[in-house]
C-alpha atoms as a PDB file:
ATOM      1  CA  MET A   1     -45.503  33.280-225.375  1.00  0.00           C
ATOM      2  CA  THR A   2     -48.448  32.927-222.999  1.00  0.00           C
ATOM      3  CA  ARG A   3     -49.693  29.348-222.714  1.00  0.00           C
ATOM      4  CA  THR A   4     -53.390  28.660-223.177  1.00  0.00           C
ATOM      5  CA  THR A   5     -55.373  25.966-221.382  1.00  0.00           C
ATOM      6  CA  ARG A   6     -57.327  23.355-223.310  1.00  0.00           C
ATOM      7  CA  ALA A   7     -60.581  25.019-222.261  1.00  0.00           C
ATOM      8  CA  GLY A   8     -59.235  28.313-223.566  1.00  0.00           C
ATOM      9  CA  MET A   9     -58.281  26.671-226.869  1.00  0.00           C
ATOM     10  CA  LEU A  10     -61.817  25.325-227.272  1.00  0.00           C
ATOM     11  CA  ARG A  11     -63.234  28.773-226.561  1.00  0.00           C
ATOM     12  CA  GLN A  12     -60.876  30.272-229.151  1.00  0.00           C
ATOM     13  CA  ALA A  13     -61.923  27.662-231.731  1.00  0.00           C
ATOM     14  CA  ALA A  14     -65.613  28.331-231.040  1.00  0.00           C
ATOM     15  CA  ARG A  15     -65.016  32.083-231.300  1.00  0.00           C
ATOM     16  CA  ILE A  16     -63.215  31.678-234.635  1.00  0.00           C
ATOM     17  CA  LEU A  17     -65.969  29.402-235.977  1.00  0.00           C
ATOM     18  CA  SER A  18     -68.687  31.858-234.920  1.00  0.00           C
ATOM     19  CA  ALA A  19     -66.878  34.817-236.469  1.00  0.00           C
ATOM     20  CA  SER A  20     -66.273  32.815-239.652  1.00  0.00           C
ATOM     21  CA  PHE A  21     -69.962  31.984-239.846  1.00  0.00           C
ATOM     22  CA  LEU A  22     -70.852  35.674-239.643  1.00  0.00           C
ATOM     23  CA  GLY A  23     -68.487  36.436-242.530  1.00  0.00           C
ATOM     24  CA  TRP A  24     -69.848  33.525-244.544  1.00  0.00           C
ATOM     25  CA  ALA A  25     -73.435  34.631-243.824  1.00  0.00           C
ATOM     26  CA  ALA A  26     -72.680  38.149-245.075  1.00  0.00           C
ATOM     27  CA  GLY A  27     -71.325  36.671-248.299  1.00  0.00           C
ATOM     28  CA  ALA A  28     -74.371  34.383-248.576  1.00  0.00           C
ATOM     29  CA  VAL A  29     -76.734  37.352-248.270  1.00  0.00           C
ATOM     30  CA  ALA A  30     -74.846  39.214-250.992  1.00  0.00           C
ATOM     31  CA  ILE A  31     -74.924  36.192-253.316  1.00  0.00           C
ATOM     32  CA  TRP A  32     -78.621  35.544-252.643  1.00  0.00           C
ATOM     33  CA  TRP A  33     -79.599  39.194-253.115  1.00  0.00           C
ATOM     34  CA  PHE A  34     -77.462  40.153-256.111  1.00  0.00           C
ATOM     35  CA  GLY A  35     -76.648  36.803-257.704  1.00  0.00           C
ATOM     36  CA  SER A  36     -78.307  35.210-260.721  1.00  0.00           C
ATOM     37  CA  GLY A  37     -77.865  31.654-259.443  1.00  0.00           C
ATOM     38  CA  SER A  38     -75.454  30.645-262.210  1.00  0.00           C
ATOM     39  CA  LEU A  39     -71.878  29.893-261.197  1.00  0.00           C
ATOM     40  CA  HIS A  40     -70.381  31.357-264.379  1.00  0.00           C
ATOM     41  CA  ALA A  41     -72.359  34.592-264.020  1.00  0.00           C
ATOM     42  CA  ASP A  42     -71.638  34.951-260.292  1.00  0.00           C
ATOM     43  CA  VAL A  43     -67.875  34.355-260.243  1.00  0.00           C
ATOM     44  CA  GLY A  44     -67.143  38.003-259.446  1.00  0.00           C
ATOM     45  CA  LEU A  45     -69.809  37.997-256.745  1.00  0.00           C
ATOM     46  CA  LEU A  46     -68.311  34.865-255.207  1.00  0.00           C
ATOM     47  CA  VAL A  47     -64.933  36.598-255.053  1.00  0.00           C
ATOM     48  CA  ALA A  48     -66.539  39.595-253.352  1.00  0.00           C
ATOM     49  CA  GLY A  49     -68.267  37.230-250.930  1.00  0.00           C
ATOM     50  CA  ALA A  50     -64.909  35.616-250.156  1.00  0.00           C
ATOM     51  CA  VAL A  51     -63.490  39.054-249.318  1.00  0.00           C
ATOM     52  CA  LEU A  52     -66.373  39.613-246.886  1.00  0.00           C
ATOM     53  CA  TRP A  53     -65.849  36.137-245.490  1.00  0.00           C
ATOM     54  CA  ALA A  54     -62.231  36.963-244.673  1.00  0.00           C
ATOM     55  CA  ALA A  55     -62.563  40.628-243.648  1.00  0.00           C
ATOM     56  CA  ILE A  56     -65.477  40.344-241.218  1.00  0.00           C
ATOM     57  CA  PRO A  57     -64.086  37.593-238.963  1.00  0.00           C
ATOM     58  CA  LEU A  58     -60.617  39.141-238.995  1.00  0.00           C
ATOM     59  CA  SER A  59     -62.085  42.468-237.900  1.00  0.00           C
ATOM     60  CA  ILE A  60     -64.217  40.868-235.187  1.00  0.00           C
ATOM     61  CA  LEU A  61     -61.366  38.787-233.776  1.00  0.00           C
ATOM     62  CA  ARG A  62     -58.980  41.750-233.827  1.00  0.00           C
ATOM     63  CA  MET A  63     -61.515  43.890-231.998  1.00  0.00           C
ATOM     64  CA  LEU A  64     -62.084  41.185-229.358  1.00  0.00           C
ATOM     65  CA  ARG A  65     -58.343  40.802-228.760  1.00  0.00           C
ATOM     66  CA  HIS A  66     -57.933  44.567-228.490  1.00  0.00           C
ATOM     67  CA  ARG A  67     -60.838  44.857-226.050  1.00  0.00           C
ATOM     68  CA  ALA A  68     -59.495  42.007-223.911  1.00  0.00           C
ATOM     69  CA  GLY A  69     -56.044  43.569-223.877  1.00  0.00           C
ATOM     70  CA  SER A  70     -54.431  40.308-225.024  1.00  0.00           C
ATOM     71  CA  PRO A  71     -50.694  40.623-225.637  1.00  0.00           C
ATOM     72  CA  ARG A  72     -49.540  40.170-229.194  1.00  0.00           C
ATOM     73  CA  THR A  73     -47.947  36.763-229.686  1.00  0.00           C
ATOM     74  CA  GLU A  74     -46.032  35.485-232.665  1.00  0.00           C
ATOM     75  CA  ARG A  75     -47.351  32.436-234.500  1.00  0.00           C
ATOM     76  CA  PRO A  76     -45.012  29.430-234.490  1.00  0.00           C
ATOM     77  CA  ARG A  77     -42.711  29.282-237.483  1.00  0.00           C
ATOM     78  CA  THR A  78     -44.111  25.888-238.469  1.00  0.00           C
ATOM     79  CA  TRP A  79     -47.743  26.934-238.879  1.00  0.00           C
ATOM     80  CA  GLY A  80     -47.277  28.046-242.506  1.00  0.00           C
ATOM     81  CA  ILE A  81     -46.570  24.580-243.917  1.00  0.00           C
ATOM     82  CA  TRP A  82     -49.663  23.138-242.252  1.00  0.00           C
ATOM     83  CA  PHE A  83     -51.754  25.991-243.637  1.00  0.00           C
ATOM     84  CA  LEU A  84     -50.448  25.211-247.134  1.00  0.00           C
ATOM     85  CA  ILE A  85     -51.228  21.513-246.744  1.00  0.00           C
ATOM     86  CA  ALA A  86     -54.783  22.285-245.612  1.00  0.00           C
ATOM     87  CA  ALA A  87     -55.273  24.839-248.409  1.00  0.00           C
ATOM     88  CA  PHE A  88     -54.005  22.557-251.174  1.00  0.00           C
ATOM     89  CA  THR A  89     -56.026  19.638-249.809  1.00  0.00           C
ATOM     90  CA  GLY A  90     -59.164  21.749-249.933  1.00  0.00           C
ATOM     91  CA  SER A  91     -58.259  22.938-253.428  1.00  0.00           C
ATOM     92  CA  ALA A  92     -57.849  19.344-254.632  1.00  0.00           C
ATOM     93  CA  VAL A  93     -61.144  18.230-253.108  1.00  0.00           C
ATOM     94  CA  ILE A  94     -63.013  21.177-254.619  1.00  0.00           C
ATOM     95  CA  GLY A  95     -61.386  20.566-258.006  1.00  0.00           C
ATOM     96  CA  ILE A  96     -62.356  16.893-257.977  1.00  0.00           C
ATOM     97  CA  VAL A  97     -66.007  17.366-257.007  1.00  0.00           C
ATOM     98  CA  ARG A  98     -66.509  20.384-259.268  1.00  0.00           C
ATOM     99  CA  PRO A  99     -67.971  18.371-262.205  1.00  0.00           C
ATOM    100  CA  ALA A 100     -70.670  17.058-259.848  1.00  0.00           C
ATOM    101  CA  THR A 101     -71.722  20.620-258.989  1.00  0.00           C
ATOM    102  CA  GLU A 102     -72.394  21.875-262.511  1.00  0.00           C
ATOM    103  CA  SER A 103     -76.139  21.964-261.810  1.00  0.00           C
ATOM    104  CA  TRP A 104     -75.759  23.622-258.401  1.00  0.00           C
ATOM    105  CA  THR A 105     -76.694  27.227-257.797  1.00  0.00           C
ATOM    106  CA  SER A 106     -74.145  29.762-256.555  1.00  0.00           C
ATOM    107  CA  LEU A 107     -75.707  29.724-253.093  1.00  0.00           C
ATOM    108  CA  GLN A 108     -75.544  25.916-252.887  1.00  0.00           C
ATOM    109  CA  ILE A 109     -71.856  25.970-253.775  1.00  0.00           C
ATOM    110  CA  TRP A 110     -71.262  28.754-251.251  1.00  0.00           C
ATOM    111  CA  SER A 111     -73.003  26.691-248.559  1.00  0.00           C
ATOM    112  CA  ALA A 112     -70.958  23.577-249.340  1.00  0.00           C
ATOM    113  CA  ILE A 113     -67.678  25.506-249.143  1.00  0.00           C
ATOM    114  CA  PHE A 114     -68.459  26.544-245.569  1.00  0.00           C
ATOM    115  CA  LEU A 115     -68.200  22.883-244.541  1.00  0.00           C
ATOM    116  CA  LEU A 116     -64.425  23.197-245.018  1.00  0.00           C
ATOM    117  CA  THR A 117     -64.223  25.831-242.268  1.00  0.00           C
ATOM    118  CA  PRO A 118     -64.721  23.497-239.265  1.00  0.00           C
ATOM    119  CA  LEU A 119     -62.165  21.136-240.815  1.00  0.00           C
ATOM    120  CA  GLY A 120     -59.586  23.908-241.099  1.00  0.00           C
ATOM    121  CA  ILE A 121     -60.184  25.013-237.499  1.00  0.00           C
ATOM    122  CA  ALA A 122     -59.897  21.407-236.290  1.00  0.00           C
ATOM    123  CA  LEU A 123     -56.548  20.999-238.085  1.00  0.00           C
ATOM    124  CA  ASP A 124     -55.208  23.930-236.062  1.00  0.00           C
ATOM    125  CA  THR A 125     -56.920  23.126-232.730  1.00  0.00           C
ATOM    126  CA  VAL A 126     -56.718  19.345-232.295  1.00  0.00           C
ATOM    127  CA  PRO A 127     -52.881  19.105-232.266  1.00  0.00           C
ATOM    128  CA  ARG A 128     -52.733  21.879-229.660  1.00  0.00           C
ATOM    129  CA  LEU A 129     -55.374  20.119-227.546  1.00  0.00           C
ATOM    130  CA  ILE A 130     -53.302  16.925-227.595  1.00  0.00           C
ATOM    131  CA  ARG A 131     -50.130  18.764-226.590  1.00  0.00           C
ATOM    132  CA  PRO A 132     -50.680  22.354-225.387  1.00  0.00           C
ATOM    133  CA  ALA A 133     -46.920  22.855-224.948  1.00  0.00           C
ATOM    134  CA  GLY A 134     -46.416  22.468-228.694  1.00  0.00           C
ATOM    135  CA  TRP A 135     -44.832  19.934-231.035  1.00  0.00           C
ATOM    136  CA  THR A 136     -41.801  21.691-232.467  1.00  0.00           C
ATOM    137  CA  SER A 137     -38.461  20.122-231.473  1.00  0.00           C
ATOM    138  CA  VAL A 138     -40.034  17.801-228.863  1.00  0.00           C
ATOM    139  CA  ALA A 139     -37.730  14.982-230.069  1.00  0.00           C
ATOM    140  CA  ALA A 140     -34.726  17.100-231.055  1.00  0.00           C
ATOM    141  CA  SER A 141     -32.375  15.020-228.881  1.00  0.00           C
ATOM    142  CA  THR A 142     -33.249  11.754-230.655  1.00  0.00           C
ATOM    143  CA  ARG A 143     -30.517  10.064-232.671  1.00  0.00           C
ATOM    144  CA  ARG A 144     -30.280  11.586-236.151  1.00  0.00           C
ATOM    145  CA  ALA A 145     -30.772   8.167-237.781  1.00  0.00           C
ATOM    146  CA  VAL A 146     -34.416   8.052-236.633  1.00  0.00           C
ATOM    147  CA  PRO A 147     -35.712  11.182-238.429  1.00  0.00           C
ATOM    148  CA  LEU A 148     -33.571  10.431-241.485  1.00  0.00           C
ATOM    149  CA  THR A 149     -35.092   6.950-241.728  1.00  0.00           C
ATOM    150  CA  LEU A 150     -38.606   8.342-241.324  1.00  0.00           C
ATOM    151  CA  LEU A 151     -37.981  11.001-243.955  1.00  0.00           C
ATOM    152  CA  GLY A 152     -36.497   8.516-246.382  1.00  0.00           C
ATOM    153  CA  LEU A 153     -39.399   6.101-245.948  1.00  0.00           C
ATOM    154  CA  SER A 154     -41.949   8.919-246.264  1.00  0.00           C
ATOM    155  CA  PHE A 155     -40.578  10.184-249.565  1.00  0.00           C
ATOM    156  CA  ALA A 156     -40.186   6.615-250.857  1.00  0.00           C
ATOM    157  CA  VAL A 157     -43.836   5.907-250.038  1.00  0.00           C
ATOM    158  CA  PHE A 158     -44.879   9.170-251.684  1.00  0.00           C
ATOM    159  CA  VAL A 159     -43.100   8.463-254.971  1.00  0.00           C
ATOM    160  CA  SER A 160     -44.262   4.828-254.967  1.00  0.00           C
ATOM    161  CA  ALA A 161     -47.883   5.788-254.301  1.00  0.00           C
ATOM    162  CA  VAL A 162     -47.899   8.391-257.080  1.00  0.00           C
ATOM    163  CA  ALA A 163     -46.327   5.840-259.448  1.00  0.00           C
ATOM    164  CA  LEU A 164     -48.969   3.241-258.515  1.00  0.00           C
ATOM    165  CA  ALA A 165     -51.741   5.778-259.100  1.00  0.00           C
ATOM    166  CA  ASP A 166     -50.292   6.586-262.506  1.00  0.00           C
ATOM    167  CA  THR A 167     -50.134   2.857-263.316  1.00  0.00           C
ATOM    168  CA  VAL A 168     -53.824   2.477-262.449  1.00  0.00           C
ATOM    169  CA  VAL A 169     -54.733   5.267-264.869  1.00  0.00           C
ATOM    170  CA  ARG A 170     -52.487   3.932-267.648  1.00  0.00           C
ATOM    171  CA  ALA A 171     -53.924   0.429-267.281  1.00  0.00           C
ATOM    172  CA  ARG A 172     -57.310   1.619-268.582  1.00  0.00           C
ATOM    173  CA  GLN A 173     -56.022   3.783-271.418  1.00  0.00           C
ATOM    174  CA  ASP A 174     -56.268   1.104-274.136  1.00  0.00           C
ATOM    175  CA  LEU A 175     -59.605   2.395-275.406  1.00  0.00           C
ATOM    176  CA  PHE A 176     -59.134   6.022-274.426  1.00  0.00           C
ATOM    177  CA  PRO A 177     -56.620   8.807-275.153  1.00  0.00           C
ATOM    178  CA  PRO A 178     -53.848   9.039-272.521  1.00  0.00           C
ATOM    179  CA  ILE A 179     -55.614  11.420-270.132  1.00  0.00           C
ATOM    180  CA  GLY A 180     -54.222  12.053-266.668  1.00  0.00           C
ATOM    181  CA  THR A 181     -50.945  10.161-267.095  1.00  0.00           C
ATOM    182  CA  LEU A 182     -47.660  11.676-265.971  1.00  0.00           C
ATOM    183  CA  PRO A 183     -44.282  11.947-267.710  1.00  0.00           C
ATOM    184  CA  SER A 184     -41.377  10.110-266.116  1.00  0.00           C
ATOM    185  CA  GLU A 185     -39.549  13.429-265.630  1.00  0.00           C
ATOM    186  CA  LEU A 186     -41.999  14.338-262.855  1.00  0.00           C
ATOM    187  CA  PHE A 187     -41.041  11.256-260.885  1.00  0.00           C
ATOM    188  CA  ILE A 188     -37.365  12.181-261.237  1.00  0.00           C
ATOM    189  CA  VAL A 189     -38.123  15.703-259.997  1.00  0.00           C
ATOM    190  CA  SER A 190     -40.044  14.257-257.027  1.00  0.00           C
ATOM    191  CA  ILE A 191     -37.094  12.041-256.090  1.00  0.00           C
ATOM    192  CA  VAL A 192     -34.649  14.951-256.375  1.00  0.00           C
ATOM    193  CA  LEU A 193     -36.873  17.200-254.239  1.00  0.00           C
ATOM    194  CA  GLY A 194     -37.262  14.470-251.629  1.00  0.00           C
ATOM    195  CA  LEU A 195     -33.491  14.060-251.431  1.00  0.00           C
ATOM    196  CA  GLY A 196     -33.181  17.855-251.256  1.00  0.00           C
ATOM    197  CA  ALA A 197     -35.520  17.981-248.264  1.00  0.00           C
ATOM    198  CA  ILE A 198     -33.486  15.305-246.478  1.00  0.00           C
ATOM    199  CA  LEU A 199     -30.218  17.132-247.177  1.00  0.00           C
ATOM    200  CA  ALA A 200     -31.719  20.423-245.991  1.00  0.00           C
ATOM    201  CA  PHE A 201     -32.792  18.773-242.739  1.00  0.00           C
ATOM    202  CA  VAL A 202     -29.319  17.271-242.251  1.00  0.00           C
ATOM    203  CA  ALA A 203     -27.732  20.685-242.936  1.00  0.00           C
ATOM    204  CA  GLY A 204     -29.823  22.276-240.187  1.00  0.00           C
ATOM    205  CA  LEU A 205     -32.226  24.076-242.538  1.00  0.00           C
ATOM    206  CA  PRO A 206     -35.670  22.784-241.486  1.00  0.00           C
ATOM    207  CA  LEU A 207     -37.405  25.825-243.001  1.00  0.00           C
ATOM    208  CA  LEU A 208     -35.941  24.940-246.398  1.00  0.00           C
ATOM    209  CA  ALA A 209     -36.961  21.307-245.900  1.00  0.00           C
ATOM    210  CA  HIS A 210     -40.526  22.436-245.142  1.00  0.00           C
ATOM    211  CA  THR A 211     -40.477  24.595-248.272  1.00  0.00           C
ATOM    212  CA  VAL A 212     -39.480  21.626-250.417  1.00  0.00           C
ATOM    213  CA  VAL A 213     -42.254  19.496-248.924  1.00  0.00           C
ATOM    214  CA  GLY A 214     -44.694  22.343-249.594  1.00  0.00           C
ATOM    215  CA  LEU A 215     -43.632  22.401-253.248  1.00  0.00           C
ATOM    216  CA  LEU A 216     -44.167  18.651-253.475  1.00  0.00           C
ATOM    217  CA  PHE A 217     -47.618  18.910-251.893  1.00  0.00           C
ATOM    218  CA  ALA A 218     -48.605  21.781-254.192  1.00  0.00           C
ATOM    219  CA  GLY A 219     -47.539  19.819-257.266  1.00  0.00           C
ATOM    220  CA  PHE A 220     -49.262  16.705-255.950  1.00  0.00           C
ATOM    221  CA  SER A 221     -52.508  18.656-255.479  1.00  0.00           C
ATOM    222  CA  PHE A 222     -52.380  19.734-259.122  1.00  0.00           C
ATOM    223  CA  VAL A 223     -51.629  16.175-260.287  1.00  0.00           C
ATOM    224  CA  VAL A 224     -54.534  14.749-258.290  1.00  0.00           C
ATOM    225  CA  GLN A 225     -56.940  17.186-259.941  1.00  0.00           C
ATOM    226  CA  LEU A 226     -55.421  16.439-263.350  1.00  0.00           C
ATOM    227  CA  VAL A 227     -55.997  12.712-262.838  1.00  0.00           C
ATOM    228  CA  TRP A 228     -59.468  12.879-261.301  1.00  0.00           C
ATOM    229  CA  LEU A 229     -61.174  15.469-263.513  1.00  0.00           C
ATOM    230  CA  PRO A 230     -61.578  13.119-266.522  1.00  0.00           C
ATOM    231  CA  ILE A 231     -62.539  10.290-264.166  1.00  0.00           C
ATOM    232  CA  ALA A 232     -65.168  12.390-262.381  1.00  0.00           C
ATOM    233  CA  GLY A 233     -66.438  13.509-265.793  1.00  0.00           C
ATOM    234  CA  GLY A 234     -66.860   9.915-266.968  1.00  0.00           C
ATOM    235  CA  VAL A 235     -64.214  10.146-269.703  1.00  0.00           C
ATOM    236  CA  VAL A 236     -61.962   7.458-268.176  1.00  0.00           C
ATOM    237  CA  MET A 237     -63.038   4.424-266.141  1.00  0.00           C
ATOM    238  CA  VAL A 238     -60.496   3.197-263.573  1.00  0.00           C
ATOM    239  CA  ASP A 239     -60.316   1.271-260.307  1.00  0.00           C
ATOM    240  CA  GLY A 240     -61.563   4.147-258.166  1.00  0.00           C
ATOM    241  CA  PRO A 241     -61.009   2.694-254.653  1.00  0.00           C
ATOM    242  CA  PHE A 242     -57.424   1.678-255.455  1.00  0.00           C
ATOM    243  CA  LEU A 243     -56.694   5.089-256.979  1.00  0.00           C
ATOM    244  CA  ILE A 244     -58.129   6.852-253.923  1.00  0.00           C
ATOM    245  CA  ALA A 245     -56.003   4.664-251.634  1.00  0.00           C
ATOM    246  CA  ALA A 246     -52.871   5.485-253.633  1.00  0.00           C
ATOM    247  CA  HIS A 247     -53.499   9.233-253.569  1.00  0.00           C
ATOM    248  CA  VAL A 248     -54.394   9.252-249.868  1.00  0.00           C
ATOM    249  CA  SER A 249     -51.228   7.262-249.110  1.00  0.00           C
ATOM    250  CA  ALA A 250     -49.120   9.771-251.035  1.00  0.00           C
ATOM    251  CA  ALA A 251     -50.683  12.696-249.163  1.00  0.00           C
ATOM    252  CA  LEU A 252     -50.217  10.997-245.784  1.00  0.00           C
ATOM    253  CA  ALA A 253     -46.571  10.300-246.640  1.00  0.00           C
ATOM    254  CA  LEU A 254     -45.917  14.024-247.155  1.00  0.00           C
ATOM    255  CA  ILE A 255     -47.816  14.836-243.963  1.00  0.00           C
ATOM    256  CA  VAL A 256     -45.621  12.364-242.054  1.00  0.00           C
ATOM    257  CA  ALA A 257     -42.527  13.973-243.584  1.00  0.00           C
ATOM    258  CA  THR A 258     -43.754  17.404-242.490  1.00  0.00           C
ATOM    259  CA  GLY A 259     -44.417  16.201-238.951  1.00  0.00           C
ATOM    260  CA  THR A 260     -41.027  14.494-238.819  1.00  0.00           C
ATOM    261  CA  ILE A 261     -39.196  17.688-239.780  1.00  0.00           C
ATOM    262  CA  GLN A 262     -41.141  19.658-237.180  1.00  0.00           C
ATOM    263  CA  VAL A 263     -40.805  17.198-234.290  1.00  0.00           C
ATOM    264  CA  PHE A 264     -37.137  16.343-234.809  1.00  0.00           C
ATOM    265  CA  ARG A 265     -35.856  19.765-235.856  1.00  0.00           C
ATOM    266  CA  PRO A 266     -33.191  21.309-233.587  1.00  0.00           C
ATOM    267  CA  ALA A 267     -34.479  23.495-230.782  1.00  0.00           C
ATOM    268  CA  GLY A 268     -34.033  27.094-231.835  1.00  0.00           C
ATOM    269  CA  ALA A 269     -32.366  28.238-235.018  1.00  0.00           C
ATOM    270  CA  SER A 270     -29.315  26.291-236.192  1.00  0.00           C
ATOM    271  CA  VAL A 271     -26.077  27.991-237.235  1.00  0.00           C
ATOM    272  CA  ALA A 272     -26.833  27.312-240.903  1.00  0.00           C
ATOM    273  CA  GLU A 273     -30.399  28.623-240.609  1.00  0.00           C
ATOM    274  CA  THR A 274     -29.239  31.780-238.848  1.00  0.00           C
ATOM    275  CA  ALA A 275     -26.609  32.382-241.539  1.00  0.00           C
ATOM    276  CA  VAL A 276     -29.170  31.994-244.338  1.00  0.00           C
ATOM    277  CA  VAL A 277     -31.675  34.305-242.620  1.00  0.00           C
ATOM    278  CA  ASP A 278     -28.998  36.926-241.975  1.00  0.00           C
ATOM    279  CA  TRP A 279     -27.965  36.785-245.637  1.00  0.00           C
ATOM    280  CA  LEU A 280     -31.573  37.210-246.780  1.00  0.00           C
ATOM    281  CA  ARG A 281     -31.934  40.214-244.468  1.00  0.00           C
ATOM    282  CA  ALA A 282     -28.721  41.693-245.793  1.00  0.00           C
ATOM    283  CA  GLU A 283     -30.136  41.379-249.303  1.00  0.00           C
ATOM    284  CA  ALA A 284     -33.357  43.102-248.106  1.00  0.00           C
ATOM    285  CA  ILE A 285     -35.392  39.980-248.955  1.00  0.00           C
ATOM    286  CA  LEU A 286     -36.573  39.506-245.366  1.00  0.00           C
ATOM    287  CA  PRO A 287     -37.582  42.256-242.903  1.00  0.00           C
ATOM    288  CA  GLU A 288     -35.410  43.114-239.939  1.00  0.00           C
ATOM    289  CA  LYS A 289     -35.597  40.863-236.897  1.00  0.00           C
ATOM    290  CA  SER A 290     -38.478  41.622-234.536  1.00  0.00           C
ATOM    291  CA  ALA A 291     -38.172  41.647-230.775  1.00  0.00           C
ATOM    292  CA  VAL A 292     -40.131  38.385-230.311  1.00  0.00           C
ATOM    293  CA  GLU A 293     -38.848  36.479-233.316  1.00  0.00           C
ATOM    294  CA  GLY A 294     -38.100  32.858-232.663  1.00  0.00           C
ATOM    295  CA  SER A 295     -39.580  32.907-229.147  1.00  0.00           C
ATOM    296  CA  ALA A 296     -42.663  30.847-229.975  1.00  0.00           C
ATOM    297  CA  THR A 297     -42.912  27.131-230.536  1.00  0.00           C
ATOM    298  CA  SER A 298     -45.699  25.001-231.886  1.00  0.00           C
END
């Protein structure tokens, strides 16, 4: 894969941001021209605007790459988990602040959503600016005890932080119905999934470990919205700063676990990972191997 200089990365980020703005602006014009201003009435129009927002920048960027004659390069295998983390984080934030936007017009909501675009671009660009050579497997030769300790501590912090957040909500339920509290079975599932991610990493299946962490982050995003919606709506009064600290700590713990799996994973595909991928291809679940597969690192 062709390496890109830091200046080139900044130009790419600026190009992506500019193209994204054009797509967003096209959606904004459609919402302003055809919309009624009410969120409930303009849901379909917002979806159509989102399609424009995605299609226009993708078309522009594809055309620019074709005109420049840039060779096609494969994205690193680890980019998907970071995309999921960013997407579920944005989903949680939008879900939490939604009650505060009931009086907003469709165009105001559309404008606020665009603020997430620079954040998403920064999440992809900043790590590459810090280390243009990539982060995957940079510490693969480190003793196995180090990543296992980091993973164990990360999942322990995650479960503890979620439990503390649940305790904060339960502590103020004496005068209210039990809204936003979690059954103990969910904590057991979280512990089992955390152990599963550690075992997958030990077995040389970092992709499976990333998948497990993604499932945990997706479930955590849903739980955060479940807890905060009644609080944001004024139904339940809790210690807000402490609850925010607990939820942020839980999210950071999963992010640390994700980074640990990426940085300490073996260089290249392990024997176990290759065997699993070959089996999935034999079952026609995955497509056949491409010529450049596995050649890129992040």
